[in-house]
Amino acid sequence: MDKHQLTIELEVWMHGAIASQAQELGCTETEVIQQALKLMLGMDEPSLSKIIDKKIDEKLKDFELQLEEKLAKRLQELSSDRPKHKPPSLPSPSLITPTVRALQIGDLVQIRDQSSPHVLEKLTITKVGMLMASVQTSDGEQSFLKRDLRFIAEVAS
C-alpha cells in the first residue's frame, strides 16, 4: 500500500485530544487520525472497533473493582460504627403477668369486631361455648366468636 505524507495545522486543543486518545488506545497519533478519517469516510476497519471495545471493557472492569472496593470499605465502616447487637433485656417477671387462659363466665371482655355497636364497651361473659361466647349488652345477650373478644384483666385497685 502506497503511503503519502500530509502536513496539517491543528489547533492546540485538537492536538491535545488526539494525543490523549492515542495514549488511551495505546497507539500513535497517526493511527488515531487515520482511523478517524476511515470512520468519517465510511471505511471502518474492525481493528479500531476492537481497540475501542477492549479499552471500554478494561475501563468497566476497573470501575467495577473500584466500586466493589468502595462498597466493601463502606460496609466495614458501617459495621464497625454500629454498636454490637445485644439481645433486648426482658422486663422482670413481676412487671408482666400475661393472662392466657380460657374465657370463663363473669370475665370482662371488649368486642374487637369493628362493625359491632359495642366495640369499646366492657362487657361481661354470660355463656361460653367451644367457638362462641355470649355477653350481656344493653340490647340483651349477644353471641360472638371468641376470636372477636378481647379479655380485659381486672386491675386491682
Foldseek 3Di string as FASTA:
>chain_A
DDDDDDDDDDDPVVVVVLCVVCVLLVHDSVVSVVQVVCVVVVNHDCVVVVSVVVSVVVVVVVVVVVVVVVVVVVVVVVVVPDPDDDDDDDDDVVVDDDDDDDDDFQFWKAFQPPVDPRRPPTWTWHADDPFKTWTQDPVGIDIDGPVRIGTDDDDDD
